[in-house]
PDB file of all heavy atoms in Angstrom:
ATOM      1  N   GLY A   1      61.983  36.461 107.010  1.00  0.00           N
ATOM      2  CA  GLY A   1      61.765  37.899 107.029  1.00  0.00           C
ATOM      3  C   GLY A   1      62.328  38.509 108.303  1.00  0.00           C
ATOM      4  O   GLY A   1      62.154  37.966 109.390  1.00  0.00           O
ATOM      5  N   PHE A   2      63.018  39.638 108.163  1.00  0.00           N
ATOM      6  CA  PHE A   2      63.603  40.342 109.299  1.00  0.00           C
ATOM      7  C   PHE A   2      63.090  41.777 109.347  1.00  0.00           C
ATOM      8  O   PHE A   2      63.049  42.458 108.313  1.00  0.00           O
ATOM      9  CB  PHE A   2      65.133  40.419 109.176  1.00  0.00           C
ATOM     10  CG  PHE A   2      65.844  39.109 109.207  1.00  0.00           C
ATOM     11  CD1 PHE A   2      66.129  38.425 108.032  1.00  0.00           C
ATOM     12  CD2 PHE A   2      66.248  38.553 110.412  1.00  0.00           C
ATOM     13  CE1 PHE A   2      66.804  37.218 108.054  1.00  0.00           C
ATOM     14  CE2 PHE A   2      66.924  37.337 110.438  1.00  0.00           C
ATOM     15  CZ  PHE A   2      67.198  36.674 109.264  1.00  0.00           C
ATOM     16  N   LYS A   3      62.745  42.238 110.535  1.00  0.00           N
ATOM     17  CA  LYS A   3      62.599  43.679 110.718  1.00  0.00           C
ATOM     18  C   LYS A   3      63.969  44.292 110.468  1.00  0.00           C
ATOM     19  O   LYS A   3      64.975  43.802 110.975  1.00  0.00           O
ATOM     20  CB  LYS A   3      62.117  43.991 112.136  1.00  0.00           C
ATOM     21  CG  LYS A   3      61.910  45.473 112.402  1.00  0.00           C
ATOM     22  CD  LYS A   3      61.515  45.727 113.860  1.00  0.00           C
ATOM     23  CE  LYS A   3      60.112  45.249 114.134  1.00  0.00           C
ATOM     24  NZ  LYS A   3      59.648  45.671 115.490  1.00  0.00           N
ATOM     25  N   LYS A   4      64.025  45.360 109.682  1.00  0.00           N
ATOM     26  CA  LYS A   4      65.325  45.898 109.297  1.00  0.00           C
ATOM     27  C   LYS A   4      66.194  46.219 110.516  1.00  0.00           C
ATOM     28  O   LYS A   4      67.384  45.886 110.543  1.00  0.00           O
ATOM     29  CB  LYS A   4      65.164  47.149 108.445  1.00  0.00           C
ATOM     30  CG  LYS A   4      66.500  47.744 108.008  1.00  0.00           C
ATOM     31  CD  LYS A   4      66.343  49.170 107.511  1.00  0.00           C
ATOM     32  CE  LYS A   4      67.693  49.834 107.344  1.00  0.00           C
ATOM     33  NZ  LYS A   4      67.586  51.271 107.049  1.00  0.00           N
ATOM     34  N   SER A   5      65.624  46.835 111.533  1.00  0.00           N
ATOM     35  CA  SER A   5      66.419  47.191 112.710  1.00  0.00           C
ATOM     36  C   SER A   5      66.971  45.947 113.393  1.00  0.00           C
ATOM     37  O   SER A   5      68.096  45.952 113.913  1.00  0.00           O
ATOM     38  CB  SER A   5      65.577  48.003 113.696  1.00  0.00           C
ATOM     39  OG  SER A   5      64.431  47.277 114.105  1.00  0.00           O
ATOM     40  N   PHE A   6      66.213  44.825 113.363  1.00  0.00           N
ATOM     41  CA  PHE A   6      66.712  43.606 113.996  1.00  0.00           C
ATOM     42  C   PHE A   6      67.764  42.925 113.131  1.00  0.00           C
ATOM     43  O   PHE A   6      68.681  42.300 113.657  1.00  0.00           O
ATOM     44  CB  PHE A   6      65.586  42.625 114.293  1.00  0.00           C
ATOM     45  CG  PHE A   6      66.095  41.373 114.942  1.00  0.00           C
ATOM     46  CD1 PHE A   6      66.518  41.392 116.261  1.00  0.00           C
ATOM     47  CD2 PHE A   6      66.224  40.192 114.235  1.00  0.00           C
ATOM     48  CE1 PHE A   6      67.050  40.257 116.869  1.00  0.00           C
ATOM     49  CE2 PHE A   6      66.739  39.052 114.831  1.00  0.00           C
ATOM     50  CZ  PHE A   6      67.148  39.092 116.160  1.00  0.00           C
ATOM     51  N   LEU A   7      67.653  43.042 111.822  1.00  0.00           N
ATOM     52  CA  LEU A   7      68.681  42.479 110.948  1.00  0.00           C
ATOM     53  C   LEU A   7      70.040  43.058 111.311  1.00  0.00           C
ATOM     54  O   LEU A   7      71.041  42.338 111.380  1.00  0.00           O
ATOM     55  CB  LEU A   7      68.342  42.782 109.489  1.00  0.00           C
ATOM     56  CG  LEU A   7      69.330  42.279 108.434  1.00  0.00           C
ATOM     57  CD1 LEU A   7      69.412  40.763 108.444  1.00  0.00           C
ATOM     58  CD2 LEU A   7      68.914  42.781 107.053  1.00  0.00           C
ATOM     59  N   TYR A   8      70.100  44.342 111.573  1.00  0.00           N
ATOM     60  CA  TYR A   8      71.350  44.971 111.977  1.00  0.00           C
ATOM     61  C   TYR A   8      71.760  44.517 113.384  1.00  0.00           C
ATOM     62  O   TYR A   8      72.939  44.337 113.668  1.00  0.00           O
ATOM     63  CB  TYR A   8      71.218  46.485 111.941  1.00  0.00           C
ATOM     64  CG  TYR A   8      71.073  47.059 110.548  1.00  0.00           C
ATOM     65  CD1 TYR A   8      70.634  48.357 110.336  1.00  0.00           C
ATOM     66  CD2 TYR A   8      71.379  46.295 109.418  1.00  0.00           C
ATOM     67  CE1 TYR A   8      70.505  48.881 109.058  1.00  0.00           C
ATOM     68  CE2 TYR A   8      71.247  46.803 108.140  1.00  0.00           C
ATOM     69  CZ  TYR A   8      70.813  48.103 107.970  1.00  0.00           C
ATOM     70  OH  TYR A   8      70.685  48.612 106.695  1.00  0.00           O
ATOM     71  N   GLN A   9      70.770  44.333 114.251  1.00  0.00           N
ATOM     72  CA  GLN A   9      71.065  43.903 115.626  1.00  0.00           C
ATOM     73  C   GLN A   9      71.600  42.469 115.677  1.00  0.00           C
ATOM     74  O   GLN A   9      72.476  42.145 116.487  1.00  0.00           O
ATOM     75  CB  GLN A   9      69.789  43.996 116.479  1.00  0.00           C
ATOM     76  CG  GLN A   9      69.959  43.536 117.926  1.00  0.00           C
ATOM     77  CD  GLN A   9      68.623  43.490 118.665  1.00  0.00           C
ATOM     78  OE1 GLN A   9      67.583  43.900 118.137  1.00  0.00           O
ATOM     79  NE2 GLN A   9      68.636  42.975 119.878  1.00  0.00           N
ATOM     80  N   PHE A  10      71.100  41.608 114.788  1.00  0.00           N
ATOM     81  CA  PHE A  10      71.438  40.187 114.831  1.00  0.00           C
ATOM     82  C   PHE A  10      72.942  39.955 114.776  1.00  0.00           C
ATOM     83  O   PHE A  10      73.501  39.180 115.548  1.00  0.00           O
ATOM     84  CB  PHE A  10      70.755  39.449 113.678  1.00  0.00           C
ATOM     85  CG  PHE A  10      71.122  37.994 113.583  1.00  0.00           C
ATOM     86  CD1 PHE A  10      70.466  37.056 114.356  1.00  0.00           C
ATOM     87  CD2 PHE A  10      72.112  37.560 112.720  1.00  0.00           C
ATOM     88  CE1 PHE A  10      70.808  35.710 114.283  1.00  0.00           C
ATOM     89  CE2 PHE A  10      72.463  36.226 112.637  1.00  0.00           C
ATOM     90  CZ  PHE A  10      71.804  35.299 113.419  1.00  0.00           C
ATOM     91  N   GLY A  11      73.610  40.626 113.856  1.00  0.00           N
ATOM     92  CA  GLY A  11      75.040  40.417 113.689  1.00  0.00           C
ATOM     93  C   GLY A  11      75.864  40.892 114.873  1.00  0.00           C
ATOM     94  O   GLY A  11      77.046  40.546 114.983  1.00  0.00           O
ATOM     95  N   ARG A  12      75.245  41.653 115.748  1.00  0.00           N
ATOM     96  CA  ARG A  12      75.956  42.175 116.909  1.00  0.00           C
ATOM     97  C   ARG A  12      75.620  41.420 118.190  1.00  0.00           C
ATOM     98  O   ARG A  12      76.185  41.703 119.246  1.00  0.00           O
ATOM     99  CB  ARG A  12      75.661  43.671 117.056  1.00  0.00           C
ATOM    100  CG  ARG A  12      76.313  44.476 115.940  1.00  0.00           C
ATOM    101  CD  ARG A  12      75.570  45.732 115.552  1.00  0.00           C
ATOM    102  NE  ARG A  12      76.188  46.349 114.369  1.00  0.00           N
ATOM    103  CZ  ARG A  12      75.962  45.964 113.129  1.00  0.00           C
ATOM    104  NH1 ARG A  12      75.125  44.953 112.878  1.00  0.00           N
ATOM    105  NH2 ARG A  12      76.562  46.560 112.121  1.00  0.00           N
ATOM    106  N   LEU A  13      74.700  40.459 118.079  1.00  0.00           N
ATOM    107  CA  LEU A  13      74.411  39.592 119.216  1.00  0.00           C
ATOM    108  C   LEU A  13      75.544  38.575 119.372  1.00  0.00           C
ATOM    109  O   LEU A  13      76.057  38.053 118.383  1.00  0.00           O
ATOM    110  CB  LEU A  13      73.095  38.839 119.016  1.00  0.00           C
ATOM    111  CG  LEU A  13      71.808  39.656 119.023  1.00  0.00           C
ATOM    112  CD1 LEU A  13      70.625  38.765 118.642  1.00  0.00           C
ATOM    113  CD2 LEU A  13      71.573  40.303 120.389  1.00  0.00           C
ATOM    114  N   ALA A  14      75.911  38.275 120.606  1.00  0.00           N
ATOM    115  CA  ALA A  14      76.944  37.269 120.842  1.00  0.00           C
ATOM    116  C   ALA A  14      76.459  35.908 120.365  1.00  0.00           C
ATOM    117  O   ALA A  14      75.288  35.546 120.538  1.00  0.00           O
ATOM    118  CB  ALA A  14      77.279  37.219 122.327  1.00  0.00           C
ATOM    119  N   ARG A  15      77.344  35.163 119.718  1.00  0.00           N
ATOM    120  CA  ARG A  15      77.005  33.791 119.330  1.00  0.00           C
ATOM    121  C   ARG A  15      76.731  32.979 120.591  1.00  0.00           C
ATOM    122  O   ARG A  15      77.278  33.239 121.666  1.00  0.00           O
ATOM    123  CB  ARG A  15      78.128  33.152 118.517  1.00  0.00           C
ATOM    124  CG  ARG A  15      78.378  33.839 117.182  1.00  0.00           C
ATOM    125  CD  ARG A  15      79.230  32.963 116.289  1.00  0.00           C
ATOM    126  NE  ARG A  15      78.478  31.798 115.831  1.00  0.00           N
ATOM    127  CZ  ARG A  15      79.038  30.696 115.334  1.00  0.00           C
ATOM    128  NH1 ARG A  15      80.360  30.592 115.264  1.00  0.00           N
ATOM    129  NH2 ARG A  15      78.293  29.685 114.932  1.00  0.00           N
ATOM    130  N   THR A  16      75.853  31.984 120.467  1.00  0.00           N
ATOM    131  CA  THR A  16      75.340  31.284 121.640  1.00  0.00           C
ATOM    132  C   THR A  16      75.686  29.793 121.597  1.00  0.00           C
ATOM    133  O   THR A  16      75.960  29.233 120.532  1.00  0.00           O
ATOM    134  CB  THR A  16      73.811  31.459 121.709  1.00  0.00           C
ATOM    135  OG1 THR A  16      73.247  31.123 120.433  1.00  0.00           O
ATOM    136  CG2 THR A  16      73.448  32.892 122.062  1.00  0.00           C
ATOM    137  N   PRO A  17      75.663  29.130 122.768  1.00  0.00           N
ATOM    138  CA  PRO A  17      76.098  27.727 122.835  1.00  0.00           C
ATOM    139  C   PRO A  17      75.290  26.782 121.946  1.00  0.00           C
ATOM    140  O   PRO A  17      75.868  25.948 121.238  1.00  0.00           O
ATOM    141  CB  PRO A  17      75.937  27.377 124.316  1.00  0.00           C
ATOM    142  CG  PRO A  17      76.073  28.678 125.034  1.00  0.00           C
ATOM    143  CD  PRO A  17      75.441  29.696 124.129  1.00  0.00           C
ATOM    144  N   LEU A  18      73.967  26.890 121.985  1.00  0.00           N
ATOM    145  CA  LEU A  18      73.159  25.979 121.178  1.00  0.00           C
ATOM    146  C   LEU A  18      73.317  26.275 119.696  1.00  0.00           C
ATOM    147  O   LEU A  18      73.324  25.360 118.864  1.00  0.00           O
ATOM    148  CB  LEU A  18      71.685  26.077 121.583  1.00  0.00           C
ATOM    149  CG  LEU A  18      71.348  25.541 122.978  1.00  0.00           C
ATOM    150  CD1 LEU A  18      69.886  25.813 123.313  1.00  0.00           C
ATOM    151  CD2 LEU A  18      71.663  24.050 123.085  1.00  0.00           C
ATOM    152  N   GLU A  19      73.434  27.536 119.350  1.00  0.00           N
ATOM    153  CA  GLU A  19      73.676  27.913 117.960  1.00  0.00           C
ATOM    154  C   GLU A  19      74.938  27.235 117.433  1.00  0.00           C
ATOM    155  O   GLU A  19      74.948  26.665 116.325  1.00  0.00           O
ATOM    156  CB  GLU A  19      73.834  29.430 117.847  1.00  0.00           C
ATOM    157  CG  GLU A  19      74.251  29.899 116.471  1.00  0.00           C
ATOM    158  CD  GLU A  19      74.814  31.301 116.451  1.00  0.00           C
ATOM    159  OE1 GLU A  19      74.989  31.912 117.522  1.00  0.00           O
ATOM    160  OE2 GLU A  19      75.096  31.804 115.339  1.00  0.00           O
ATOM    161  N   MET A  20      76.000  27.281 118.221  1.00  0.00           N
ATOM    162  CA  MET A  20      77.266  26.702 117.771  1.00  0.00           C
ATOM    163  C   MET A  20      77.220  25.180 117.781  1.00  0.00           C
ATOM    164  O   MET A  20      77.793  24.524 116.905  1.00  0.00           O
ATOM    165  CB  MET A  20      78.411  27.229 118.639  1.00  0.00           C
ATOM    166  CG  MET A  20      78.694  28.708 118.392  1.00  0.00           C
ATOM    167  SD  MET A  20      80.124  29.346 119.288  1.00  0.00           S
ATOM    168  CE  MET A  20      79.438  29.543 120.936  1.00  0.00           C
ATOM    169  N   ALA A  21      76.511  24.592 118.758  1.00  0.00           N
ATOM    170  CA  ALA A  21      76.419  23.134 118.832  1.00  0.00           C
ATOM    171  C   ALA A  21      75.632  22.562 117.661  1.00  0.00           C
ATOM    172  O   ALA A  21      75.999  21.533 117.084  1.00  0.00           O
ATOM    173  CB  ALA A  21      75.780  22.715 120.154  1.00  0.00           C
ATOM    174  N   GLU A  22      74.541  23.246 117.287  1.00  0.00           N
ATOM    175  CA  GLU A  22      73.672  22.760 116.211  1.00  0.00           C
ATOM    176  C   GLU A  22      74.078  23.300 114.841  1.00  0.00           C
ATOM    177  O   GLU A  22      73.714  22.725 113.816  1.00  0.00           O
ATOM    178  CB  GLU A  22      72.217  23.154 116.499  1.00  0.00           C
ATOM    179  CG  GLU A  22      71.586  22.442 117.681  1.00  0.00           C
ATOM    180  CD  GLU A  22      70.961  21.118 117.291  1.00  0.00           C
ATOM    181  OE1 GLU A  22      71.097  20.703 116.122  1.00  0.00           O
ATOM    182  OE2 GLU A  22      70.335  20.492 118.155  1.00  0.00           O
ATOM    183  N   GLY A  23      74.812  24.427 114.818  1.00  0.00           N
ATOM    184  CA  GLY A  23      75.122  25.060 113.538  1.00  0.00           C
ATOM    185  C   GLY A  23      73.896  25.679 112.893  1.00  0.00           C
ATOM    186  O   GLY A  23      73.718  25.612 111.674  1.00  0.00           O
ATOM    187  N   ILE A  24      73.039  26.309 113.703  1.00  0.00           N
ATOM    188  CA  ILE A  24      71.785  26.899 113.223  1.00  0.00           C
ATOM    189  C   ILE A  24      71.710  28.327 113.749  1.00  0.00           C
ATOM    190  O   ILE A  24      71.575  28.542 114.965  1.00  0.00           O
ATOM    191  CB  ILE A  24      70.554  26.090 113.705  1.00  0.00           C
ATOM    192  CG1 ILE A  24      70.656  24.638 113.241  1.00  0.00           C
ATOM    193  CG2 ILE A  24      69.267  26.730 113.218  1.00  0.00           C
ATOM    194  CD1 ILE A  24      69.625  23.718 113.877  1.00  0.00           C
ATOM    195  N   ASP A  25      71.774  29.308 112.859  1.00  0.00           N
ATOM    196  CA  ASP A  25      71.895  30.686 113.328  1.00  0.00           C
ATOM    197  C   ASP A  25      70.645  31.218 114.020  1.00  0.00           C
ATOM    198  O   ASP A  25      70.739  32.079 114.900  1.00  0.00           O
ATOM    199  CB  ASP A  25      72.328  31.620 112.197  1.00  0.00           C
ATOM    200  CG  ASP A  25      71.477  31.516 110.944  1.00  0.00           C
ATOM    201  OD1 ASP A  25      70.414  30.866 110.981  1.00  0.00           O
ATOM    202  OD2 ASP A  25      71.885  32.091 109.914  1.00  0.00           O
ATOM    203  N   MET A  26      69.455  30.718 113.682  1.00  0.00           N
ATOM    204  CA  MET A  26      68.252  31.218 114.328  1.00  0.00           C
ATOM    205  C   MET A  26      68.174  30.844 115.805  1.00  0.00           C
ATOM    206  O   MET A  26      67.410  31.445 116.560  1.00  0.00           O
ATOM    207  CB  MET A  26      67.001  30.726 113.597  1.00  0.00           C
ATOM    208  CG  MET A  26      66.732  31.437 112.285  1.00  0.00           C
ATOM    209  SD  MET A  26      66.518  33.234 112.424  1.00  0.00           S
ATOM    210  CE  MET A  26      68.139  33.836 111.931  1.00  0.00           C
ATOM    211  N   LEU A  27      68.970  29.867 116.245  1.00  0.00           N
ATOM    212  CA  LEU A  27      69.018  29.573 117.678  1.00  0.00           C
ATOM    213  C   LEU A  27      69.607  30.744 118.456  1.00  0.00           C
ATOM    214  O   LEU A  27      69.300  30.919 119.641  1.00  0.00           O
ATOM    215  CB  LEU A  27      69.832  28.296 117.939  1.00  0.00           C
ATOM    216  CG  LEU A  27      69.097  26.995 117.617  1.00  0.00           C
ATOM    217  CD1 LEU A  27      70.051  25.803 117.706  1.00  0.00           C
ATOM    218  CD2 LEU A  27      67.904  26.786 118.552  1.00  0.00           C
ATOM    219  N   ARG A  28      70.423  31.552 117.816  1.00  0.00           N
ATOM    220  CA  ARG A  28      70.953  32.740 118.481  1.00  0.00           C
ATOM    221  C   ARG A  28      69.807  33.656 118.913  1.00  0.00           C
ATOM    222  O   ARG A  28      69.838  34.258 119.992  1.00  0.00           O
ATOM    223  CB  ARG A  28      71.900  33.496 117.564  1.00  0.00           C
ATOM    224  CG  ARG A  28      72.632  34.645 118.239  1.00  0.00           C
ATOM    225  CD  ARG A  28      73.457  35.470 117.256  1.00  0.00           C
ATOM    226  NE  ARG A  28      74.235  34.658 116.332  1.00  0.00           N
ATOM    227  CZ  ARG A  28      74.974  35.150 115.356  1.00  0.00           C
ATOM    228  NH1 ARG A  28      75.031  36.476 115.154  1.00  0.00           N
ATOM    229  NH2 ARG A  28      75.649  34.358 114.550  1.00  0.00           N
ATOM    230  N   VAL A  29      68.788  33.754 118.063  1.00  0.00           N
ATOM    231  CA  VAL A  29      67.635  34.589 118.378  1.00  0.00           C
ATOM    232  C   VAL A  29      66.906  34.041 119.606  1.00  0.00           C
ATOM    233  O   VAL A  29      66.602  34.774 120.556  1.00  0.00           O
ATOM    234  CB  VAL A  29      66.679  34.673 117.176  1.00  0.00           C
ATOM    235  CG1 VAL A  29      65.507  35.592 117.481  1.00  0.00           C
ATOM    236  CG2 VAL A  29      67.419  35.163 115.934  1.00  0.00           C
ATOM    237  N   LEU A  30      66.639  32.738 119.606  1.00  0.00           N
ATOM    238  CA  LEU A  30      65.921  32.128 120.720  1.00  0.00           C
ATOM    239  C   LEU A  30      66.716  32.202 122.022  1.00  0.00           C
ATOM    240  O   LEU A  30      66.148  32.463 123.091  1.00  0.00           O
ATOM    241  CB  LEU A  30      65.593  30.666 120.402  1.00  0.00           C
ATOM    242  CG  LEU A  30      64.714  30.390 119.179  1.00  0.00           C
ATOM    243  CD1 LEU A  30      64.376  28.911 119.096  1.00  0.00           C
ATOM    244  CD2 LEU A  30      63.457  31.239 119.193  1.00  0.00           C
ATOM    245  N   GLU A  31      68.027  31.984 121.930  1.00  0.00           N
ATOM    246  CA  GLU A  31      68.849  31.988 123.142  1.00  0.00           C
ATOM    247  C   GLU A  31      69.010  33.390 123.730  1.00  0.00           C
ATOM    248  O   GLU A  31      69.366  33.531 124.905  1.00  0.00           O
ATOM    249  CB  GLU A  31      70.217  31.370 122.855  1.00  0.00           C
ATOM    250  CG  GLU A  31      70.152  29.862 122.649  1.00  0.00           C
ATOM    251  CD  GLU A  31      71.512  29.251 122.430  1.00  0.00           C
ATOM    252  OE1 GLU A  31      72.183  28.909 123.416  1.00  0.00           O
ATOM    253  OE2 GLU A  31      71.920  29.128 121.248  1.00  0.00           O
ATOM    254  N   HIS A  32      68.726  34.402 122.944  1.00  0.00           N
ATOM    255  CA  HIS A  32      68.708  35.770 123.474  1.00  0.00           C
ATOM    256  C   HIS A  32      67.286  36.195 123.842  1.00  0.00           C
ATOM    257  O   HIS A  32      67.008  37.387 124.013  1.00  0.00           O
ATOM    258  CB  HIS A  32      69.313  36.738 122.459  1.00  0.00           C
ATOM    259  CG  HIS A  32      70.812  36.725 122.432  1.00  0.00           C
ATOM    260  ND1 HIS A  32      71.585  37.364 123.371  1.00  0.00           N
ATOM    261  CD2 HIS A  32      71.683  36.114 121.587  1.00  0.00           C
ATOM    262  CE1 HIS A  32      72.870  37.171 123.102  1.00  0.00           C
ATOM    263  NE2 HIS A  32      72.957  36.419 122.026  1.00  0.00           N
ATOM    264  N   ASP A  33      66.386  35.196 123.988  1.00  0.00           N
ATOM    265  CA  ASP A  33      65.012  35.432 124.433  1.00  0.00           C
ATOM    266  C   ASP A  33      64.219  36.331 123.505  1.00  0.00           C
ATOM    267  O   ASP A  33      63.375  37.120 123.935  1.00  0.00           O
ATOM    268  CB  ASP A  33      64.989  36.003 125.860  1.00  0.00           C
ATOM    269  CG  ASP A  33      65.536  35.037 126.891  1.00  0.00           C
ATOM    270  OD1 ASP A  33      65.234  33.833 126.780  1.00  0.00           O
ATOM    271  OD2 ASP A  33      66.270  35.471 127.790  1.00  0.00           O
ATOM    272  N   LEU A  34      64.468  36.191 122.214  1.00  0.00           N
ATOM    273  CA  LEU A  34      63.723  36.935 121.208  1.00  0.00           C
ATOM    274  C   LEU A  34      62.877  35.955 120.392  1.00  0.00           C
ATOM    275  O   LEU A  34      63.183  34.763 120.320  1.00  0.00           O
ATOM    276  CB  LEU A  34      64.689  37.694 120.292  1.00  0.00           C
ATOM    277  CG  LEU A  34      65.528  38.759 121.013  1.00  0.00           C
ATOM    278  CD1 LEU A  34      66.703  39.200 120.141  1.00  0.00           C
ATOM    279  CD2 LEU A  34      64.671  39.958 121.383  1.00  0.00           C
ATOM    280  N   ALA A  35      61.823  36.471 119.796  1.00  0.00           N
ATOM    281  CA  ALA A  35      60.850  35.596 119.143  1.00  0.00           C
ATOM    282  C   ALA A  35      61.177  35.355 117.684  1.00  0.00           C
ATOM    283  O   ALA A  35      61.586  36.263 116.960  1.00  0.00           O
ATOM    284  CB  ALA A  35      59.453  36.204 119.253  1.00  0.00           C
ATOM    285  N   VAL A  36      60.998  34.108 117.262  1.00  0.00           N
ATOM    286  CA  VAL A  36      60.974  33.747 115.841  1.00  0.00           C
ATOM    287  C   VAL A  36      59.564  33.237 115.559  1.00  0.00           C
ATOM    288  O   VAL A  36      59.157  32.196 116.077  1.00  0.00           O
ATOM    289  CB  VAL A  36      62.010  32.668 115.493  1.00  0.00           C
ATOM    290  CG1 VAL A  36      61.874  32.257 114.026  1.00  0.00           C
ATOM    291  CG2 VAL A  36      63.425  33.147 115.788  1.00  0.00           C
ATOM    292  N   HIS A  37      58.825  33.987 114.780  1.00  0.00           N
ATOM    293  CA  HIS A  37      57.461  33.576 114.442  1.00  0.00           C
ATOM    294  C   HIS A  37      57.516  32.690 113.203  1.00  0.00           C
ATOM    295  O   HIS A  37      58.259  32.981 112.260  1.00  0.00           O
ATOM    296  CB  HIS A  37      56.570  34.788 114.183  1.00  0.00           C
ATOM    297  CG  HIS A  37      55.120  34.495 114.345  1.00  0.00           C
ATOM    298  ND1 HIS A  37      54.435  34.708 115.517  1.00  0.00           N
ATOM    299  CD2 HIS A  37      54.220  33.979 113.476  1.00  0.00           C
ATOM    300  CE1 HIS A  37      53.170  34.344 115.363  1.00  0.00           C
ATOM    301  NE2 HIS A  37      53.019  33.885 114.133  1.00  0.00           N
TER     302      HIS A  37
END
């Protein structure tokens, strides 16, 4: 589940090192210091 405003924000966040190393997009959220509940 995504807050609609964050769904739009997600695609504009820079891809992150751990996200690319693991191939897991939710790591982008964590690496930008945002919460995944």
